[in-house]
Amino acid sequence: MFWIRCKLFIETDKFFKGKIIRVNKFNSSINLYHQYCRNGKYSNNNEQISALSRHLFMKLKKSRNQYYGYFTMYLSDK
């Protein structure tokens, strides 16, 4: 179970170059994150980070709160 959760963080991290979203990678996976967009498009880096974070959080939610602390630390780095 731990490795599955670890993989989620690694996969999400591939969308970043430092603290900036890799726009091409994000746009090629937009179907995964579209549901987390408020107005149908992403106009800045913060909205993209928000969508990725929501997606990651929902995946981690299945782990019964065990990894929420890691999520908070991960997000604070972005």
PDB file of N, CA and C in Angstrom:
ATOM      1  N   MET A   1       0.818  -1.196   0.000  1.00  0.00           N
ATOM      2  CA  MET A   1       0.000   0.000   0.000  1.00  0.00           C
ATOM      3  C   MET A   1       0.866   1.265   0.000  1.00  0.00           C
ATOM      4  N   PHE A   2       1.961   1.226   0.770  1.00  0.00           N
ATOM      5  CA  PHE A   2       2.841   2.394   0.849  1.00  0.00           C
ATOM      6  C   PHE A   2       3.388   2.763  -0.520  1.00  0.00           C
ATOM      7  N   TRP A   3       3.813   1.762  -1.294  1.00  0.00           N
ATOM      8  CA  TRP A   3       4.408   2.044  -2.595  1.00  0.00           C
ATOM      9  C   TRP A   3       3.397   2.615  -3.568  1.00  0.00           C
ATOM     10  N   ILE A   4       2.162   2.214  -3.449  1.00  0.00           N
ATOM     11  CA  ILE A   4       1.118   2.770  -4.314  1.00  0.00           C
ATOM     12  C   ILE A   4       0.968   4.254  -4.043  1.00  0.00           C
ATOM     13  N   ARG A   5       0.938   4.632  -2.770  1.00  0.00           N
ATOM     14  CA  ARG A   5       0.807   6.047  -2.406  1.00  0.00           C
ATOM     15  C   ARG A   5       2.049   6.826  -2.814  1.00  0.00           C
ATOM     16  N   CYS A   6       3.201   6.225  -2.631  1.00  0.00           N
ATOM     17  CA  CYS A   6       4.458   6.866  -3.016  1.00  0.00           C
ATOM     18  C   CYS A   6       4.458   7.137  -4.522  1.00  0.00           C
ATOM     19  N   LYS A   7       3.953   6.190  -5.282  1.00  0.00           N
ATOM     20  CA  LYS A   7       3.879   6.341  -6.734  1.00  0.00           C
ATOM     21  C   LYS A   7       2.984   7.521  -7.119  1.00  0.00           C
ATOM     22  N   LEU A   8       1.913   7.753  -6.371  1.00  0.00           N
ATOM     23  CA  LEU A   8       1.039   8.893  -6.648  1.00  0.00           C
ATOM     24  C   LEU A   8       1.795  10.213  -6.528  1.00  0.00           C
ATOM     25  N   PHE A   9       2.615  10.334  -5.495  1.00  0.00           N
ATOM     26  CA  PHE A   9       3.412  11.546  -5.328  1.00  0.00           C
ATOM     27  C   PHE A   9       4.427  11.695  -6.459  1.00  0.00           C
ATOM     28  N   ILE A  10       5.059  10.604  -6.829  1.00  0.00           N
ATOM     29  CA  ILE A  10       6.061  10.642  -7.901  1.00  0.00           C
ATOM     30  C   ILE A  10       5.416  11.031  -9.223  1.00  0.00           C
ATOM     31  N   GLU A  11       4.274  10.436  -9.536  1.00  0.00           N
ATOM     32  CA  GLU A  11       3.578  10.757 -10.781  1.00  0.00           C
ATOM     33  C   GLU A  11       3.137  12.217 -10.810  1.00  0.00           C
ATOM     34  N   THR A  12       2.644  12.719  -9.700  1.00  0.00           N
ATOM     35  CA  THR A  12       2.229  14.121  -9.636  1.00  0.00           C
ATOM     36  C   THR A  12       3.435  15.035  -9.781  1.00  0.00           C
ATOM     37  N   ASP A  13       4.533  14.672  -9.185  1.00  0.00           N
ATOM     38  CA  ASP A  13       5.736  15.503  -9.229  1.00  0.00           C
ATOM     39  C   ASP A  13       6.303  15.629 -10.639  1.00  0.00           C
ATOM     40  N   LYS A  14       6.016  14.692 -11.509  1.00  0.00           N
ATOM     41  CA  LYS A  14       6.499  14.755 -12.891  1.00  0.00           C
ATOM     42  C   LYS A  14       5.886  15.923 -13.662  1.00  0.00           C
ATOM     43  N   PHE A  15       4.818  16.497 -13.139  1.00  0.00           N
ATOM     44  CA  PHE A  15       4.182  17.643 -13.782  1.00  0.00           C
ATOM     45  C   PHE A  15       4.901  18.953 -13.477  1.00  0.00           C
ATOM     46  N   PHE A  16       5.885  18.911 -12.592  1.00  0.00           N
ATOM     47  CA  PHE A  16       6.569  20.123 -12.158  1.00  0.00           C
ATOM     48  C   PHE A  16       7.995  20.190 -12.676  1.00  0.00           C
ATOM     49  N   LYS A  17       8.407  21.399 -12.975  1.00  0.00           N
ATOM     50  CA  LYS A  17       9.813  21.714 -13.217  1.00  0.00           C
ATOM     51  C   LYS A  17      10.143  22.787 -12.187  1.00  0.00           C
ATOM     52  N   GLY A  18      10.700  22.354 -11.078  1.00  0.00           N
ATOM     53  CA  GLY A  18      10.874  23.262  -9.947  1.00  0.00           C
ATOM     54  C   GLY A  18       9.514  23.529  -9.323  1.00  0.00           C
ATOM     55  N   LYS A  19       9.113  24.783  -9.325  1.00  0.00           N
ATOM     56  CA  LYS A  19       7.811  25.147  -8.771  1.00  0.00           C
ATOM     57  C   LYS A  19       6.817  25.547  -9.867  1.00  0.00           C
ATOM     58  N   ILE A  20       7.189  25.307 -11.105  1.00  0.00           N
ATOM     59  CA  ILE A  20       6.366  25.668 -12.253  1.00  0.00           C
ATOM     60  C   ILE A  20       5.822  24.398 -12.909  1.00  0.00           C
ATOM     61  N   ILE A  21       4.567  24.476 -13.324  1.00  0.00           N
ATOM     62  CA  ILE A  21       3.920  23.351 -14.004  1.00  0.00           C
ATOM     63  C   ILE A  21       4.494  23.194 -15.414  1.00  0.00           C
ATOM     64  N   ARG A  22       4.721  21.965 -15.812  1.00  0.00           N
ATOM     65  CA  ARG A  22       5.091  21.668 -17.202  1.00  0.00           C
ATOM     66  C   ARG A  22       3.786  21.710 -18.000  1.00  0.00           C
ATOM     67  N   VAL A  23       3.564  22.813 -18.673  1.00  0.00           N
ATOM     68  CA  VAL A  23       2.282  23.083 -19.322  1.00  0.00           C
ATOM     69  C   VAL A  23       1.933  22.024 -20.355  1.00  0.00           C
ATOM     70  N   ASN A  24       2.885  21.608 -21.169  1.00  0.00           N
ATOM     71  CA  ASN A  24       2.599  20.596 -22.199  1.00  0.00           C
ATOM     72  C   ASN A  24       2.132  19.285 -21.579  1.00  0.00           C
ATOM     73  N   LYS A  25       2.802  18.851 -20.524  1.00  0.00           N
ATOM     74  CA  LYS A  25       2.409  17.603 -19.853  1.00  0.00           C
ATOM     75  C   LYS A  25       1.036  17.757 -19.209  1.00  0.00           C
ATOM     76  N   PHE A  26       0.811  18.904 -18.571  1.00  0.00           N
ATOM     77  CA  PHE A  26      -0.478  19.156 -17.930  1.00  0.00           C
ATOM     78  C   PHE A  26      -1.598  19.149 -18.968  1.00  0.00           C
ATOM     79  N   ASN A  27      -1.403  19.875 -20.056  1.00  0.00           N
ATOM     80  CA  ASN A  27      -2.435  19.956 -21.091  1.00  0.00           C
ATOM     81  C   ASN A  27      -2.698  18.608 -21.754  1.00  0.00           C
ATOM     82  N   SER A  28      -1.683  17.763 -21.850  1.00  0.00           N
ATOM     83  CA  SER A  28      -1.898  16.452 -22.467  1.00  0.00           C
ATOM     84  C   SER A  28      -2.686  15.512 -21.548  1.00  0.00           C
ATOM     85  N   SER A  29      -2.784  15.857 -20.272  1.00  0.00           N
ATOM     86  CA  SER A  29      -3.534  15.046 -19.302  1.00  0.00           C
ATOM     87  C   SER A  29      -4.741  15.790 -18.748  1.00  0.00           C
ATOM     88  N   ILE A  30      -5.195  16.789 -19.458  1.00  0.00           N
ATOM     89  CA  ILE A  30      -6.239  17.684 -18.954  1.00  0.00           C
ATOM     90  C   ILE A  30      -7.524  16.947 -18.575  1.00  0.00           C
ATOM     91  N   ASN A  31      -7.816  15.837 -19.212  1.00  0.00           N
ATOM     92  CA  ASN A  31      -9.045  15.099 -18.893  1.00  0.00           C
ATOM     93  C   ASN A  31      -9.075  14.622 -17.446  1.00  0.00           C
ATOM     94  N   LEU A  32      -7.912  14.345 -16.875  1.00  0.00           N
ATOM     95  CA  LEU A  32      -7.846  13.912 -15.476  1.00  0.00           C
ATOM     96  C   LEU A  32      -8.173  15.040 -14.510  1.00  0.00           C
ATOM     97  N   TYR A  33      -7.872  16.263 -14.896  1.00  0.00           N
ATOM     98  CA  TYR A  33      -7.940  17.386 -13.965  1.00  0.00           C
ATOM     99  C   TYR A  33      -9.057  18.372 -14.261  1.00  0.00           C
ATOM    100  N   HIS A  34      -9.733  18.195 -15.385  1.00  0.00           N
ATOM    101  CA  HIS A  34     -10.774  19.139 -15.789  1.00  0.00           C
ATOM    102  C   HIS A  34     -11.863  19.298 -14.731  1.00  0.00           C
ATOM    103  N   GLN A  35     -12.202  18.239 -14.047  1.00  0.00           N
ATOM    104  CA  GLN A  35     -13.264  18.305 -13.037  1.00  0.00           C
ATOM    105  C   GLN A  35     -12.897  19.195 -11.853  1.00  0.00           C
ATOM    106  N   TYR A  36     -11.625  19.506 -11.687  1.00  0.00           N
ATOM    107  CA  TYR A  36     -11.181  20.336 -10.570  1.00  0.00           C
ATOM    108  C   TYR A  36     -11.011  21.799 -10.965  1.00  0.00           C
ATOM    109  N   CYS A  37     -11.390  22.144 -12.175  1.00  0.00           N
ATOM    110  CA  CYS A  37     -11.279  23.512 -12.666  1.00  0.00           C
ATOM    111  C   CYS A  37     -12.593  24.251 -12.433  1.00  0.00           C
ATOM    112  N   ARG A  38     -12.500  25.448 -11.898  1.00  0.00           N
ATOM    113  CA  ARG A  38     -13.712  26.204 -11.570  1.00  0.00           C
ATOM    114  C   ARG A  38     -14.432  26.741 -12.793  1.00  0.00           C
ATOM    115  N   ASN A  39     -13.711  27.279 -13.755  1.00  0.00           N
ATOM    116  CA  ASN A  39     -14.371  27.939 -14.875  1.00  0.00           C
ATOM    117  C   ASN A  39     -13.986  27.360 -16.239  1.00  0.00           C
ATOM    118  N   GLY A  40     -13.599  26.117 -16.275  1.00  0.00           N
ATOM    119  CA  GLY A  40     -13.353  25.437 -17.537  1.00  0.00           C
ATOM    120  C   GLY A  40     -11.982  25.625 -18.156  1.00  0.00           C
ATOM    121  N   LYS A  41     -11.152  26.485 -17.579  1.00  0.00           N
ATOM    122  CA  LYS A  41      -9.798  26.658 -18.099  1.00  0.00           C
ATOM    123  C   LYS A  41      -8.864  27.070 -16.965  1.00  0.00           C
ATOM    124  N   TYR A  42      -7.599  26.904 -17.208  1.00  0.00           N
ATOM    125  CA  TYR A  42      -6.580  27.245 -16.223  1.00  0.00           C
ATOM    126  C   TYR A  42      -5.811  28.450 -16.739  1.00  0.00           C
ATOM    127  N   SER A  43      -5.896  29.547 -16.032  1.00  0.00           N
ATOM    128  CA  SER A  43      -5.267  30.769 -16.515  1.00  0.00           C
ATOM    129  C   SER A  43      -3.897  31.037 -15.903  1.00  0.00           C
ATOM    130  N   ASN A  44      -3.535  30.285 -14.858  1.00  0.00           N
ATOM    131  CA  ASN A  44      -2.221  30.528 -14.260  1.00  0.00           C
ATOM    132  C   ASN A  44      -1.697  29.273 -13.560  1.00  0.00           C
ATOM    133  N   ASN A  45      -0.463  29.355 -13.132  1.00  0.00           N
ATOM    134  CA  ASN A  45       0.229  28.240 -12.492  1.00  0.00           C
ATOM    135  C   ASN A  45      -0.485  27.785 -11.212  1.00  0.00           C
ATOM    136  N   ASN A  46      -0.995  28.732 -10.434  1.00  0.00           N
ATOM    137  CA  ASN A  46      -1.665  28.387  -9.175  1.00  0.00           C
ATOM    138  C   ASN A  46      -2.910  27.535  -9.397  1.00  0.00           C
ATOM    139  N   GLU A  47      -3.676  27.833 -10.435  1.00  0.00           N
ATOM    140  CA  GLU A  47      -4.870  27.035 -10.731  1.00  0.00           C
ATOM    141  C   GLU A  47      -4.489  25.619 -11.158  1.00  0.00           C
ATOM    142  N   GLN A  48      -3.410  25.489 -11.883  1.00  0.00           N
ATOM    143  CA  GLN A  48      -2.944  24.166 -12.295  1.00  0.00           C
ATOM    144  C   GLN A  48      -2.445  23.369 -11.094  1.00  0.00           C
ATOM    145  N   ILE A  49      -1.708  24.021 -10.208  1.00  0.00           N
ATOM    146  CA  ILE A  49      -1.249  23.353  -8.984  1.00  0.00           C
ATOM    147  C   ILE A  49      -2.444  22.932  -8.144  1.00  0.00           C
ATOM    148  N   SER A  50      -3.451  23.785  -8.082  1.00  0.00           N
ATOM    149  CA  SER A  50      -4.657  23.463  -7.325  1.00  0.00           C
ATOM    150  C   SER A  50      -5.344  22.216  -7.886  1.00  0.00           C
ATOM    151  N   ALA A  51      -5.457  22.133  -9.199  1.00  0.00           N
ATOM    152  CA  ALA A  51      -6.098  20.974  -9.827  1.00  0.00           C
ATOM    153  C   ALA A  51      -5.307  19.696  -9.565  1.00  0.00           C
ATOM    154  N   LEU A  52      -3.995  19.762  -9.724  1.00  0.00           N
ATOM    155  CA  LEU A  52      -3.159  18.589  -9.453  1.00  0.00           C
ATOM    156  C   LEU A  52      -3.262  18.174  -7.990  1.00  0.00           C
ATOM    157  N   SER A  53      -3.284  19.151  -7.108  1.00  0.00           N
ATOM    158  CA  SER A  53      -3.375  18.865  -5.671  1.00  0.00           C
ATOM    159  C   SER A  53      -4.706  18.229  -5.312  1.00  0.00           C
ATOM    160  N   ARG A  54      -5.771  18.735  -5.887  1.00  0.00           N
ATOM    161  CA  ARG A  54      -7.093  18.144  -5.614  1.00  0.00           C
ATOM    162  C   ARG A  54      -7.156  16.705  -6.097  1.00  0.00           C
ATOM    163  N   HIS A  55      -6.602  16.481  -7.275  1.00  0.00           N
ATOM    164  CA  HIS A  55      -6.591  15.122  -7.825  1.00  0.00           C
ATOM    165  C   HIS A  55      -5.796  14.181  -6.916  1.00  0.00           C
ATOM    166  N   LEU A  56      -4.614  14.615  -6.495  1.00  0.00           N
ATOM    167  CA  LEU A  56      -3.782  13.813  -5.599  1.00  0.00           C
ATOM    168  C   LEU A  56      -4.498  13.571  -4.274  1.00  0.00           C
ATOM    169  N   PHE A  57      -5.119  14.607  -3.731  1.00  0.00           N
ATOM    170  CA  PHE A  57      -5.825  14.484  -2.458  1.00  0.00           C
ATOM    171  C   PHE A  57      -6.943  13.450  -2.551  1.00  0.00           C
ATOM    172  N   MET A  58      -7.701  13.486  -3.632  1.00  0.00           N
ATOM    173  CA  MET A  58      -8.801  12.530  -3.789  1.00  0.00           C
ATOM    174  C   MET A  58      -8.265  11.099  -3.900  1.00  0.00           C
ATOM    175  N   LYS A  59      -7.139  10.918  -4.560  1.00  0.00           N
ATOM    176  CA  LYS A  59      -6.535   9.584  -4.637  1.00  0.00           C
ATOM    177  C   LYS A  59      -6.062   9.121  -3.261  1.00  0.00           C
ATOM    178  N   LEU A  60      -5.481  10.038  -2.486  1.00  0.00           N
ATOM    179  CA  LEU A  60      -4.985   9.689  -1.152  1.00  0.00           C
ATOM    180  C   LEU A  60      -6.120   9.472  -0.155  1.00  0.00           C
ATOM    181  N   LYS A  61      -7.255  10.068  -0.429  1.00  0.00           N
ATOM    182  CA  LYS A  61      -8.401   9.968   0.480  1.00  0.00           C
ATOM    183  C   LYS A  61      -8.790   8.514   0.726  1.00  0.00           C
ATOM    184  N   LYS A  62      -8.527   7.683  -0.239  1.00  0.00           N
ATOM    185  CA  LYS A  62      -8.855   6.262  -0.122  1.00  0.00           C
ATOM    186  C   LYS A  62      -7.996   5.552   0.921  1.00  0.00           C
ATOM    187  N   SER A  63      -6.954   6.223   1.396  1.00  0.00           N
ATOM    188  CA  SER A  63      -6.040   5.584   2.344  1.00  0.00           C
ATOM    189  C   SER A  63      -6.412   5.841   3.807  1.00  0.00           C
ATOM    190  N   ARG A  64      -7.589   6.323   4.047  1.00  0.00           N
ATOM    191  CA  ARG A  64      -8.115   6.535   5.405  1.00  0.00           C
ATOM    192  C   ARG A  64      -7.237   7.455   6.254  1.00  0.00           C
ATOM    193  N   ASN A  65      -6.954   8.637   5.755  1.00  0.00           N
ATOM    194  CA  ASN A  65      -6.236   9.702   6.473  1.00  0.00           C
ATOM    195  C   ASN A  65      -4.776   9.402   6.777  1.00  0.00           C
ATOM    196  N   GLN A  66      -4.274   8.287   6.402  1.00  0.00           N
ATOM    197  CA  GLN A  66      -2.918   7.907   6.764  1.00  0.00           C
ATOM    198  C   GLN A  66      -1.854   8.797   6.113  1.00  0.00           C
ATOM    199  N   TYR A  67      -2.136   9.330   4.938  1.00  0.00           N
ATOM    200  CA  TYR A  67      -1.118  10.062   4.195  1.00  0.00           C
ATOM    201  C   TYR A  67      -1.409  11.556   4.076  1.00  0.00           C
ATOM    202  N   TYR A  68      -2.378  12.078   4.794  1.00  0.00           N
ATOM    203  CA  TYR A  68      -2.712  13.494   4.703  1.00  0.00           C
ATOM    204  C   TYR A  68      -1.546  14.380   5.124  1.00  0.00           C
ATOM    205  N   GLY A  69      -0.783  13.966   6.110  1.00  0.00           N
ATOM    206  CA  GLY A  69       0.384  14.735   6.540  1.00  0.00           C
ATOM    207  C   GLY A  69       1.411  14.861   5.432  1.00  0.00           C
ATOM    208  N   TYR A  70       1.625  13.781   4.703  1.00  0.00           N
ATOM    209  CA  TYR A  70       2.553  13.813   3.576  1.00  0.00           C
ATOM    210  C   TYR A  70       2.034  14.739   2.478  1.00  0.00           C
ATOM    211  N   PHE A  71       0.733  14.713   2.260  1.00  0.00           N
ATOM    212  CA  PHE A  71       0.124  15.594   1.262  1.00  0.00           C
ATOM    213  C   PHE A  71       0.384  17.054   1.615  1.00  0.00           C
ATOM    214  N   THR A  72       0.200  17.413   2.868  1.00  0.00           N
ATOM    215  CA  THR A  72       0.415  18.787   3.316  1.00  0.00           C
ATOM    216  C   THR A  72       1.867  19.206   3.116  1.00  0.00           C
ATOM    217  N   MET A  73       2.791  18.334   3.457  1.00  0.00           N
ATOM    218  CA  MET A  73       4.209  18.648   3.254  1.00  0.00           C
ATOM    219  C   MET A  73       4.534  18.772   1.767  1.00  0.00           C
ATOM    220  N   TYR A  74       3.959  17.894   0.955  1.00  0.00           N
ATOM    221  CA  TYR A  74       4.194  17.931  -0.483  1.00  0.00           C
ATOM    222  C   TYR A  74       3.691  19.245  -1.072  1.00  0.00           C
ATOM    223  N   LEU A  75       2.474  19.609  -0.720  1.00  0.00           N
ATOM    224  CA  LEU A  75       1.868  20.821  -1.256  1.00  0.00           C
ATOM    225  C   LEU A  75       2.630  22.068  -0.813  1.00  0.00           C
ATOM    226  N   SER A  76       3.110  22.086   0.410  1.00  0.00           N
ATOM    227  CA  SER A  76       3.837  23.267   0.890  1.00  0.00           C
ATOM    228  C   SER A  76       5.141  23.475   0.127  1.00  0.00           C
ATOM    229  N   ASP A  77       5.656  22.429  -0.497  1.00  0.00           N
ATOM    230  CA  ASP A  77       6.871  22.553  -1.295  1.00  0.00           C
ATOM    231  C   ASP A  77       6.594  23.147  -2.667  1.00  0.00           C
ATOM    232  N   LYS A  78       5.352  23.146  -3.093  1.00  0.00           N
ATOM    233  CA  LYS A  78       5.005  23.640  -4.424  1.00  0.00           C
ATOM    234  C   LYS A  78       4.666  25.087  -4.330  1.00  0.00           C
TER     235      LYS A  78
END
